[in-house]
Amino acid sequence: MSDETFGDTEPEDAWDATDPTIVLIDNLFRRLFLLEHRDMDRAPLFDSLLFDIENRLRPIQARREDQALSDRDMLRLAQLEEDLAFVRERDERGHQVSH
């Protein structure tokens, strides 16, 4: 056992159910990284969420290759891919949601 006293003084340990869902998810990841003794400033916080988005995109990308998407969906897919790459890069650089 540690002699440290525990309190909700660290932002990751404070919980406010009225926070937006994305802030709550960010908080869960931050606490998980603390438990894993990972450097939160260097670890991508949203890697698993972005990975899920990438996996869900694969069948849609395959439909693009088969030319089975409308022009609007082609544009939407291209924009999503571009924005996803931007968010992934930002997350890898350590730019997290601010509380």
PDB file of N, CA and C in Angstrom:
ATOM      1  N   MET A   1       0.830  -1.185   0.000  1.00  0.00           N
ATOM      2  CA  MET A   1       0.000   0.000   0.000  1.00  0.00           C
ATOM      3  C   MET A   1       0.870   1.243   0.000  1.00  0.00           C
ATOM      4  N   SER A   2       0.385   2.248  -0.627  1.00  0.00           N
ATOM      5  CA  SER A   2       1.093   3.518  -0.716  1.00  0.00           C
ATOM      6  C   SER A   2       0.653   4.432   0.417  1.00  0.00           C
ATOM      7  N   ASP A   3       1.581   5.322   0.820  1.00  0.00           N
ATOM      8  CA  ASP A   3       1.247   6.296   1.846  1.00  0.00           C
ATOM      9  C   ASP A   3       0.551   7.522   1.254  1.00  0.00           C
ATOM     10  N   GLU A   4       0.429   7.554  -0.062  1.00  0.00           N
ATOM     11  CA  GLU A   4      -0.200   8.695  -0.704  1.00  0.00           C
ATOM     12  C   GLU A   4      -1.681   8.759  -0.338  1.00  0.00           C
ATOM     13  N   THR A   5      -2.162   9.969  -0.140  1.00  0.00           N
ATOM     14  CA  THR A   5      -3.598  10.126   0.084  1.00  0.00           C
ATOM     15  C   THR A   5      -4.264  10.300  -1.265  1.00  0.00           C
ATOM     16  N   PHE A   6      -5.419   9.730  -1.391  1.00  0.00           N
ATOM     17  CA  PHE A   6      -6.126   9.774  -2.660  1.00  0.00           C
ATOM     18  C   PHE A   6      -7.196  10.850  -2.608  1.00  0.00           C
ATOM     19  N   GLY A   7      -7.321  11.539  -3.688  1.00  0.00           N
ATOM     20  CA  GLY A   7      -8.375  12.525  -3.820  1.00  0.00           C
ATOM     21  C   GLY A   7      -8.627  12.787  -5.286  1.00  0.00           C
ATOM     22  N   ASP A   8      -9.628  13.528  -5.576  1.00  0.00           N
ATOM     23  CA  ASP A   8      -9.972  13.836  -6.962  1.00  0.00           C
ATOM     24  C   ASP A   8      -9.305  15.134  -7.402  1.00  0.00           C
ATOM     25  N   THR A   9      -8.033  15.280  -7.045  1.00  0.00           N
ATOM     26  CA  THR A   9      -7.316  16.495  -7.406  1.00  0.00           C
ATOM     27  C   THR A   9      -6.752  16.417  -8.814  1.00  0.00           C
ATOM     28  N   GLU A  10      -6.527  15.210  -9.330  1.00  0.00           N
ATOM     29  CA  GLU A  10      -6.049  15.066 -10.697  1.00  0.00           C
ATOM     30  C   GLU A  10      -7.262  15.073 -11.622  1.00  0.00           C
ATOM     31  N   PRO A  11      -7.174  15.802 -12.742  1.00  0.00           N
ATOM     32  CA  PRO A  11      -8.343  15.893 -13.626  1.00  0.00           C
ATOM     33  C   PRO A  11      -8.851  14.538 -14.097  1.00  0.00           C
ATOM     34  N   GLU A  12      -7.938  13.577 -14.281  1.00  0.00           N
ATOM     35  CA  GLU A  12      -8.351  12.258 -14.758  1.00  0.00           C
ATOM     36  C   GLU A  12      -9.199  11.514 -13.733  1.00  0.00           C
ATOM     37  N   ASP A  13      -9.021  11.828 -12.466  1.00  0.00           N
ATOM     38  CA  ASP A  13      -9.759  11.119 -11.427  1.00  0.00           C
ATOM     39  C   ASP A  13     -11.065  11.811 -11.057  1.00  0.00           C
ATOM     40  N   ALA A  14     -11.260  13.008 -11.537  1.00  0.00           N
ATOM     41  CA  ALA A  14     -12.524  13.704 -11.304  1.00  0.00           C
ATOM     42  C   ALA A  14     -13.536  13.230 -12.342  1.00  0.00           C
ATOM     43  N   TRP A  15     -14.766  13.094 -11.947  1.00  0.00           N
ATOM     44  CA  TRP A  15     -15.790  12.594 -12.860  1.00  0.00           C
ATOM     45  C   TRP A  15     -16.994  13.495 -12.755  1.00  0.00           C
ATOM     46  N   ASP A  16     -17.410  14.043 -13.877  1.00  0.00           N
ATOM     47  CA  ASP A  16     -18.581  14.895 -13.911  1.00  0.00           C
ATOM     48  C   ASP A  16     -19.524  14.334 -14.967  1.00  0.00           C
ATOM     49  N   ALA A  17     -20.600  13.718 -14.530  1.00  0.00           N
ATOM     50  CA  ALA A  17     -21.531  13.053 -15.446  1.00  0.00           C
ATOM     51  C   ALA A  17     -22.195  14.025 -16.409  1.00  0.00           C
ATOM     52  N   THR A  18     -22.087  15.312 -16.175  1.00  0.00           N
ATOM     53  CA  THR A  18     -22.684  16.286 -17.090  1.00  0.00           C
ATOM     54  C   THR A  18     -21.733  16.677 -18.222  1.00  0.00           C
ATOM     55  N   ASP A  19     -20.494  16.190 -18.172  1.00  0.00           N
ATOM     56  CA  ASP A  19     -19.552  16.477 -19.256  1.00  0.00           C
ATOM     57  C   ASP A  19     -20.051  15.847 -20.558  1.00  0.00           C
ATOM     58  N   PRO A  20     -19.673  16.416 -21.705  1.00  0.00           N
ATOM     59  CA  PRO A  20     -20.015  15.777 -22.984  1.00  0.00           C
ATOM     60  C   PRO A  20     -19.396  14.383 -23.067  1.00  0.00           C
ATOM     61  N   THR A  21     -20.030  13.503 -23.795  1.00  0.00           N
ATOM     62  CA  THR A  21     -19.584  12.113 -23.900  1.00  0.00           C
ATOM     63  C   THR A  21     -18.128  12.011 -24.319  1.00  0.00           C
ATOM     64  N   ILE A  22     -17.692  12.820 -25.285  1.00  0.00           N
ATOM     65  CA  ILE A  22     -16.305  12.723 -25.746  1.00  0.00           C
ATOM     66  C   ILE A  22     -15.327  13.067 -24.629  1.00  0.00           C
ATOM     67  N   VAL A  23     -15.693  13.977 -23.755  1.00  0.00           N
ATOM     68  CA  VAL A  23     -14.838  14.326 -22.615  1.00  0.00           C
ATOM     69  C   VAL A  23     -14.798  13.161 -21.631  1.00  0.00           C
ATOM     70  N   LEU A  24     -15.927  12.508 -21.423  1.00  0.00           N
ATOM     71  CA  LEU A  24     -15.956  11.344 -20.530  1.00  0.00           C
ATOM     72  C   LEU A  24     -15.091  10.212 -21.090  1.00  0.00           C
ATOM     73  N   ILE A  25     -15.169   9.982 -22.399  1.00  0.00           N
ATOM     74  CA  ILE A  25     -14.347   8.940 -23.025  1.00  0.00           C
ATOM     75  C   ILE A  25     -12.872   9.298 -22.909  1.00  0.00           C
ATOM     76  N   ASP A  26     -12.537  10.548 -23.159  1.00  0.00           N
ATOM     77  CA  ASP A  26     -11.159  11.010 -23.002  1.00  0.00           C
ATOM     78  C   ASP A  26     -10.683  10.746 -21.579  1.00  0.00           C
ATOM     79  N   ASN A  27     -11.531  11.017 -20.621  1.00  0.00           N
ATOM     80  CA  ASN A  27     -11.197  10.801 -19.216  1.00  0.00           C
ATOM     81  C   ASN A  27     -10.920   9.314 -18.950  1.00  0.00           C
ATOM     82  N   LEU A  28     -11.733   8.432 -19.511  1.00  0.00           N
ATOM     83  CA  LEU A  28     -11.513   6.988 -19.332  1.00  0.00           C
ATOM     84  C   LEU A  28     -10.153   6.570 -19.882  1.00  0.00           C
ATOM     85  N   PHE A  29      -9.836   7.046 -21.085  1.00  0.00           N
ATOM     86  CA  PHE A  29      -8.534   6.720 -21.673  1.00  0.00           C
ATOM     87  C   PHE A  29      -7.393   7.259 -20.819  1.00  0.00           C
ATOM     88  N   ARG A  30      -7.522   8.472 -20.319  1.00  0.00           N
ATOM     89  CA  ARG A  30      -6.463   9.064 -19.503  1.00  0.00           C
ATOM     90  C   ARG A  30      -6.218   8.232 -18.239  1.00  0.00           C
ATOM     91  N   ARG A  31      -7.287   7.802 -17.594  1.00  0.00           N
ATOM     92  CA  ARG A  31      -7.111   6.982 -16.388  1.00  0.00           C
ATOM     93  C   ARG A  31      -6.508   5.630 -16.727  1.00  0.00           C
ATOM     94  N   LEU A  32      -6.914   5.059 -17.861  1.00  0.00           N
ATOM     95  CA  LEU A  32      -6.331   3.793 -18.289  1.00  0.00           C
ATOM     96  C   LEU A  32      -4.836   3.943 -18.521  1.00  0.00           C
ATOM     97  N   PHE A  33      -4.421   5.017 -19.202  1.00  0.00           N
ATOM     98  CA  PHE A  33      -3.002   5.247 -19.437  1.00  0.00           C
ATOM     99  C   PHE A  33      -2.242   5.441 -18.135  1.00  0.00           C
ATOM    100  N   LEU A  34      -2.847   6.098 -17.168  1.00  0.00           N
ATOM    101  CA  LEU A  34      -2.198   6.253 -15.867  1.00  0.00           C
ATOM    102  C   LEU A  34      -1.988   4.895 -15.208  1.00  0.00           C
ATOM    103  N   LEU A  35      -3.010   4.037 -15.293  1.00  0.00           N
ATOM    104  CA  LEU A  35      -2.888   2.695 -14.714  1.00  0.00           C
ATOM    105  C   LEU A  35      -1.840   1.865 -15.439  1.00  0.00           C
ATOM    106  N   GLU A  36      -1.678   2.105 -16.736  1.00  0.00           N
ATOM    107  CA  GLU A  36      -0.673   1.391 -17.523  1.00  0.00           C
ATOM    108  C   GLU A  36       0.709   2.031 -17.408  1.00  0.00           C
ATOM    109  N   HIS A  37       0.795   3.142 -16.674  1.00  0.00           N
ATOM    110  CA  HIS A  37       2.050   3.889 -16.504  1.00  0.00           C
ATOM    111  C   HIS A  37       2.608   4.338 -17.844  1.00  0.00           C
ATOM    112  N   ARG A  38       1.713   4.803 -18.716  1.00  0.00           N
ATOM    113  CA  ARG A  38       2.107   5.324 -20.023  1.00  0.00           C
ATOM    114  C   ARG A  38       2.152   6.841 -19.967  1.00  0.00           C
ATOM    115  N   ASP A  39       2.983   7.409 -20.774  1.00  0.00           N
ATOM    116  CA  ASP A  39       3.102   8.860 -20.878  1.00  0.00           C
ATOM    117  C   ASP A  39       1.929   9.384 -21.693  1.00  0.00           C
ATOM    118  N   MET A  40       0.999  10.047 -21.026  1.00  0.00           N
ATOM    119  CA  MET A  40      -0.202  10.515 -21.710  1.00  0.00           C
ATOM    120  C   MET A  40       0.098  11.574 -22.751  1.00  0.00           C
ATOM    121  N   ASP A  41       1.168  12.323 -22.590  1.00  0.00           N
ATOM    122  CA  ASP A  41       1.493  13.355 -23.565  1.00  0.00           C
ATOM    123  C   ASP A  41       2.028  12.764 -24.859  1.00  0.00           C
ATOM    124  N   ARG A  42       2.448  11.505 -24.804  1.00  0.00           N
ATOM    125  CA  ARG A  42       3.023  10.883 -25.999  1.00  0.00           C
ATOM    126  C   ARG A  42       2.157   9.765 -26.548  1.00  0.00           C
ATOM    127  N   ALA A  43       1.239   9.244 -25.748  1.00  0.00           N
ATOM    128  CA  ALA A  43       0.417   8.126 -26.196  1.00  0.00           C
ATOM    129  C   ALA A  43      -0.843   8.639 -26.887  1.00  0.00           C
ATOM    130  N   PRO A  44      -1.174   8.094 -28.062  1.00  0.00           N
ATOM    131  CA  PRO A  44      -2.426   8.493 -28.710  1.00  0.00           C
ATOM    132  C   PRO A  44      -3.615   8.056 -27.859  1.00  0.00           C
ATOM    133  N   LEU A  45      -4.430   8.997 -27.465  1.00  0.00           N
ATOM    134  CA  LEU A  45      -5.558   8.675 -26.592  1.00  0.00           C
ATOM    135  C   LEU A  45      -6.711   8.029 -27.341  1.00  0.00           C
ATOM    136  N   PHE A  46      -6.853   8.369 -28.600  1.00  0.00           N
ATOM    137  CA  PHE A  46      -8.038   7.922 -29.320  1.00  0.00           C
ATOM    138  C   PHE A  46      -7.731   6.849 -30.352  1.00  0.00           C
ATOM    139  N   ASP A  47      -6.599   6.173 -30.206  1.00  0.00           N
ATOM    140  CA  ASP A  47      -6.162   5.175 -31.173  1.00  0.00           C
ATOM    141  C   ASP A  47      -7.223   4.117 -31.420  1.00  0.00           C
ATOM    142  N   SER A  48      -7.831   3.580 -30.370  1.00  0.00           N
ATOM    143  CA  SER A  48      -8.801   2.498 -30.561  1.00  0.00           C
ATOM    144  C   SER A  48     -10.064   2.999 -31.255  1.00  0.00           C
ATOM    145  N   LEU A  49     -10.472   4.225 -30.976  1.00  0.00           N
ATOM    146  CA  LEU A  49     -11.644   4.772 -31.653  1.00  0.00           C
ATOM    147  C   LEU A  49     -11.344   5.019 -33.130  1.00  0.00           C
ATOM    148  N   LEU A  50     -10.179   5.570 -33.415  1.00  0.00           N
ATOM    149  CA  LEU A  50      -9.800   5.822 -34.803  1.00  0.00           C
ATOM    150  C   LEU A  50      -9.631   4.510 -35.564  1.00  0.00           C
ATOM    151  N   PHE A  51      -9.085   3.496 -34.890  1.00  0.00           N
ATOM    152  CA  PHE A  51      -8.935   2.178 -35.503  1.00  0.00           C
ATOM    153  C   PHE A  51     -10.309   1.609 -35.873  1.00  0.00           C
ATOM    154  N   ASP A  52     -11.293   1.805 -35.002  1.00  0.00           N
ATOM    155  CA  ASP A  52     -12.651   1.337 -35.274  1.00  0.00           C
ATOM    156  C   ASP A  52     -13.222   2.046 -36.504  1.00  0.00           C
ATOM    157  N   ILE A  53     -13.014   3.343 -36.594  1.00  0.00           N
ATOM    158  CA  ILE A  53     -13.493   4.088 -37.756  1.00  0.00           C
ATOM    159  C   ILE A  53     -12.820   3.571 -39.030  1.00  0.00           C
ATOM    160  N   GLU A  54     -11.510   3.363 -38.969  1.00  0.00           N
ATOM    161  CA  GLU A  54     -10.779   2.857 -40.139  1.00  0.00           C
ATOM    162  C   GLU A  54     -11.311   1.488 -40.576  1.00  0.00           C
ATOM    163  N   ASN A  55     -11.572   0.611 -39.611  1.00  0.00           N
ATOM    164  CA  ASN A  55     -12.109  -0.718 -39.943  1.00  0.00           C
ATOM    165  C   ASN A  55     -13.482  -0.628 -40.579  1.00  0.00           C
ATOM    166  N   ARG A  56     -14.308   0.268 -40.072  1.00  0.00           N
ATOM    167  CA  ARG A  56     -15.653   0.425 -40.621  1.00  0.00           C
ATOM    168  C   ARG A  56     -15.613   1.051 -42.017  1.00  0.00           C
ATOM    169  N   LEU A  57     -14.557   1.787 -42.305  1.00  0.00           N
ATOM    170  CA  LEU A  57     -14.421   2.412 -43.621  1.00  0.00           C
ATOM    171  C   LEU A  57     -14.033   1.422 -44.710  1.00  0.00           C
ATOM    172  N   ARG A  58     -13.358   0.352 -44.342  1.00  0.00           N
ATOM    173  CA  ARG A  58     -12.829  -0.578 -45.354  1.00  0.00           C
ATOM    174  C   ARG A  58     -13.889  -1.095 -46.333  1.00  0.00           C
ATOM    175  N   PRO A  59     -15.047  -1.556 -45.871  1.00  0.00           N
ATOM    176  CA  PRO A  59     -16.045  -2.028 -46.846  1.00  0.00           C
ATOM    177  C   PRO A  59     -16.563  -0.905 -47.745  1.00  0.00           C
ATOM    178  N   ILE A  60     -16.622   0.305 -47.208  1.00  0.00           N
ATOM    179  CA  ILE A  60     -17.071   1.450 -48.009  1.00  0.00           C
ATOM    180  C   ILE A  60     -16.009   1.790 -49.054  1.00  0.00           C
ATOM    181  N   GLN A  61     -14.755   1.709 -48.654  1.00  0.00           N
ATOM    182  CA  GLN A  61     -13.667   1.948 -49.601  1.00  0.00           C
ATOM    183  C   GLN A  61     -13.677   0.898 -50.710  1.00  0.00           C
ATOM    184  N   ALA A  62     -14.017  -0.329 -50.357  1.00  0.00           N
ATOM    185  CA  ALA A  62     -14.119  -1.388 -51.368  1.00  0.00           C
ATOM    186  C   ALA A  62     -15.247  -1.081 -52.348  1.00  0.00           C
ATOM    187  N   ARG A  63     -16.343  -0.515 -51.852  1.00  0.00           N
ATOM    188  CA  ARG A  63     -17.448  -0.123 -52.729  1.00  0.00           C
ATOM    189  C   ARG A  63     -17.014   0.996 -53.671  1.00  0.00           C
ATOM    190  N   ARG A  64     -16.118   1.863 -53.197  1.00  0.00           N
ATOM    191  CA  ARG A  64     -15.590   2.912 -54.076  1.00  0.00           C
ATOM    192  C   ARG A  64     -14.806   2.266 -55.214  1.00  0.00           C
ATOM    193  N   GLU A  65     -13.991   1.261 -54.868  1.00  0.00           N
ATOM    194  CA  GLU A  65     -13.190   0.583 -55.891  1.00  0.00           C
ATOM    195  C   GLU A  65     -14.084  -0.094 -56.924  1.00  0.00           C
ATOM    196  N   ASP A  66     -15.257  -0.560 -56.478  1.00  0.00           N
ATOM    197  CA  ASP A  66     -16.213  -1.202 -57.391  1.00  0.00           C
ATOM    198  C   ASP A  66     -17.107  -0.178 -58.087  1.00  0.00           C
ATOM    199  N   GLN A  67     -16.850   1.103 -57.836  1.00  0.00           N
ATOM    200  CA  GLN A  67     -17.641   2.205 -58.392  1.00  0.00           C
ATOM    201  C   GLN A  67     -19.115   2.086 -58.017  1.00  0.00           C
ATOM    202  N   ALA A  68     -19.359   1.684 -56.766  1.00  0.00           N
ATOM    203  CA  ALA A  68     -20.723   1.483 -56.294  1.00  0.00           C
ATOM    204  C   ALA A  68     -21.193   2.614 -55.379  1.00  0.00           C
ATOM    205  N   LEU A  69     -20.500   3.746 -55.391  1.00  0.00           N
ATOM    206  CA  LEU A  69     -20.897   4.882 -54.560  1.00  0.00           C
ATOM    207  C   LEU A  69     -21.372   6.023 -55.444  1.00  0.00           C
ATOM    208  N   SER A  70     -22.310   6.773 -54.926  1.00  0.00           N
ATOM    209  CA  SER A  70     -22.768   7.971 -55.642  1.00  0.00           C
ATOM    210  C   SER A  70     -21.664   9.029 -55.594  1.00  0.00           C
ATOM    211  N   ASP A  71     -21.792  10.032 -56.440  1.00  0.00           N
ATOM    212  CA  ASP A  71     -20.805  11.114 -56.431  1.00  0.00           C
ATOM    213  C   ASP A  71     -20.734  11.775 -55.058  1.00  0.00           C
ATOM    214  N   ARG A  72     -21.884  11.992 -54.447  1.00  0.00           N
ATOM    215  CA  ARG A  72     -21.916  12.617 -53.115  1.00  0.00           C
ATOM    216  C   ARG A  72     -21.214  11.731 -52.093  1.00  0.00           C
ATOM    217  N   ASP A  73     -21.464  10.428 -52.131  1.00  0.00           N
ATOM    218  CA  ASP A  73     -20.804   9.518 -51.190  1.00  0.00           C
ATOM    219  C   ASP A  73     -19.305   9.438 -51.448  1.00  0.00           C
ATOM    220  N   MET A  74     -18.899   9.557 -52.710  1.00  0.00           N
ATOM    221  CA  MET A  74     -17.462   9.564 -53.029  1.00  0.00           C
ATOM    222  C   MET A  74     -16.801  10.781 -52.378  1.00  0.00           C
ATOM    223  N   LEU A  75     -17.452  11.927 -52.487  1.00  0.00           N
ATOM    224  CA  LEU A  75     -16.922  13.136 -51.881  1.00  0.00           C
ATOM    225  C   LEU A  75     -16.903  13.017 -50.357  1.00  0.00           C
ATOM    226  N   ARG A  76     -17.995  12.513 -49.800  1.00  0.00           N
ATOM    227  CA  ARG A  76     -18.079  12.340 -48.347  1.00  0.00           C
ATOM    228  C   ARG A  76     -16.981  11.399 -47.855  1.00  0.00           C
ATOM    229  N   LEU A  77     -16.737  10.309 -48.569  1.00  0.00           N
ATOM    230  CA  LEU A  77     -15.700   9.354 -48.197  1.00  0.00           C
ATOM    231  C   LEU A  77     -14.319  10.006 -48.272  1.00  0.00           C
ATOM    232  N   ALA A  78     -14.062  10.746 -49.331  1.00  0.00           N
ATOM    233  CA  ALA A  78     -12.760  11.411 -49.473  1.00  0.00           C
ATOM    234  C   ALA A  78     -12.529  12.408 -48.337  1.00  0.00           C
ATOM    235  N   GLN A  79     -13.559  13.150 -47.991  1.00  0.00           N
ATOM    236  CA  GLN A  79     -13.434  14.113 -46.891  1.00  0.00           C
ATOM    237  C   GLN A  79     -13.224  13.400 -45.563  1.00  0.00           C
ATOM    238  N   LEU A  80     -13.936  12.310 -45.356  1.00  0.00           N
ATOM    239  CA  LEU A  80     -13.784  11.542 -44.114  1.00  0.00           C
ATOM    240  C   LEU A  80     -12.372  10.978 -43.999  1.00  0.00           C
ATOM    241  N   GLU A  81     -11.845  10.453 -45.094  1.00  0.00           N
ATOM    242  CA  GLU A  81     -10.482   9.912 -45.085  1.00  0.00           C
ATOM    243  C   GLU A  81      -9.471  11.013 -44.757  1.00  0.00           C
ATOM    244  N   GLU A  82      -9.651  12.171 -45.354  1.00  0.00           N
ATOM    245  CA  GLU A  82      -8.742  13.290 -45.108  1.00  0.00           C
ATOM    246  C   GLU A  82      -8.825  13.758 -43.653  1.00  0.00           C
ATOM    247  N   ASP A  83     -10.036  13.892 -43.152  1.00  0.00           N
ATOM    248  CA  ASP A  83     -10.215  14.347 -41.767  1.00  0.00           C
ATOM    249  C   ASP A  83      -9.725  13.305 -40.775  1.00  0.00           C
ATOM    250  N   LEU A  84      -9.937  12.042 -41.080  1.00  0.00           N
ATOM    251  CA  LEU A  84      -9.459  10.969 -40.216  1.00  0.00           C
ATOM    252  C   LEU A  84      -7.935  10.992 -40.127  1.00  0.00           C
ATOM    253  N   ALA A  85      -7.272  11.189 -41.244  1.00  0.00           N
ATOM    254  CA  ALA A  85      -5.804  11.271 -41.243  1.00  0.00           C
ATOM    255  C   ALA A  85      -5.338  12.456 -40.401  1.00  0.00           C
ATOM    256  N   PHE A  86      -6.032  13.582 -40.508  1.00  0.00           N
ATOM    257  CA  PHE A  86      -5.691  14.762 -39.715  1.00  0.00           C
ATOM    258  C   PHE A  86      -5.837  14.478 -38.219  1.00  0.00           C
ATOM    259  N   VAL A  87      -6.960  13.868 -37.825  1.00  0.00           N
ATOM    260  CA  VAL A  87      -7.211  13.581 -36.410  1.00  0.00           C
ATOM    261  C   VAL A  87      -6.207  12.556 -35.893  1.00  0.00           C
ATOM    262  N   ARG A  88      -5.905  11.537 -36.690  1.00  0.00           N
ATOM    263  CA  ARG A  88      -4.931  10.521 -36.273  1.00  0.00           C
ATOM    264  C   ARG A  88      -3.573  11.183 -36.034  1.00  0.00           C
ATOM    265  N   GLU A  89      -3.133  12.027 -36.957  1.00  0.00           N
ATOM    266  CA  GLU A  89      -1.848  12.703 -36.798  1.00  0.00           C
ATOM    267  C   GLU A  89      -1.853  13.594 -35.550  1.00  0.00           C
ATOM    268  N   ARG A  90      -2.924  14.309 -35.346  1.00  0.00           N
ATOM    269  CA  ARG A  90      -3.028  15.182 -34.169  1.00  0.00           C
ATOM    270  C   ARG A  90      -2.985  14.362 -32.881  1.00  0.00           C
ATOM    271  N   ASP A  91      -3.712  13.246 -32.872  1.00  0.00           N
ATOM    272  CA  ASP A  91      -3.728  12.390 -31.688  1.00  0.00           C
ATOM    273  C   ASP A  91      -2.340  11.818 -31.419  1.00  0.00           C
ATOM    274  N   GLU A  92      -1.633  11.444 -32.459  1.00  0.00           N
ATOM    275  CA  GLU A  92      -0.288  10.882 -32.288  1.00  0.00           C
ATOM    276  C   GLU A  92       0.700  11.929 -31.782  1.00  0.00           C
ATOM    277  N   ARG A  93       0.438  13.200 -32.099  1.00  0.00           N
ATOM    278  CA  ARG A  93       1.296  14.276 -31.593  1.00  0.00           C
ATOM    279  C   ARG A  93       0.960  14.639 -30.150  1.00  0.00           C
ATOM    280  N   GLY A  94      -0.151  14.128 -29.642  1.00  0.00           N
ATOM    281  CA  GLY A  94      -0.500  14.376 -28.245  1.00  0.00           C
ATOM    282  C   GLY A  94      -1.421  15.536 -28.007  1.00  0.00           C
ATOM    283  N   HIS A  95      -2.204  15.931 -29.001  1.00  0.00           N
ATOM    284  CA  HIS A  95      -3.160  17.017 -28.821  1.00  0.00           C
ATOM    285  C   HIS A  95      -4.498  16.414 -28.402  1.00  0.00           C
ATOM    286  N   GLN A  96      -4.746  16.404 -27.100  1.00  0.00           N
ATOM    287  CA  GLN A  96      -5.958  15.797 -26.588  1.00  0.00           C
ATOM    288  C   GLN A  96      -7.045  16.848 -26.376  1.00  0.00           C
ATOM    289  N   VAL A  97      -8.220  16.340 -26.078  1.00  0.00           N
ATOM    290  CA  VAL A  97      -9.346  17.194 -25.733  1.00  0.00           C
ATOM    291  C   VAL A  97      -9.014  17.927 -24.444  1.00  0.00           C
ATOM    292  N   SER A  98      -9.279  19.207 -24.409  1.00  0.00           N
ATOM    293  CA  SER A  98      -9.034  19.958 -23.172  1.00  0.00           C
ATOM    294  C   SER A  98     -10.278  19.930 -22.309  1.00  0.00           C
ATOM    295  N   HIS A  99     -10.056  19.930 -21.027  1.00  0.00           N
ATOM    296  CA  HIS A  99     -11.182  19.906 -20.081  1.00  0.00           C
ATOM    297  C   HIS A  99     -11.429  21.294 -19.580  1.00  0.00           C
TER     298      HIS A  99
END
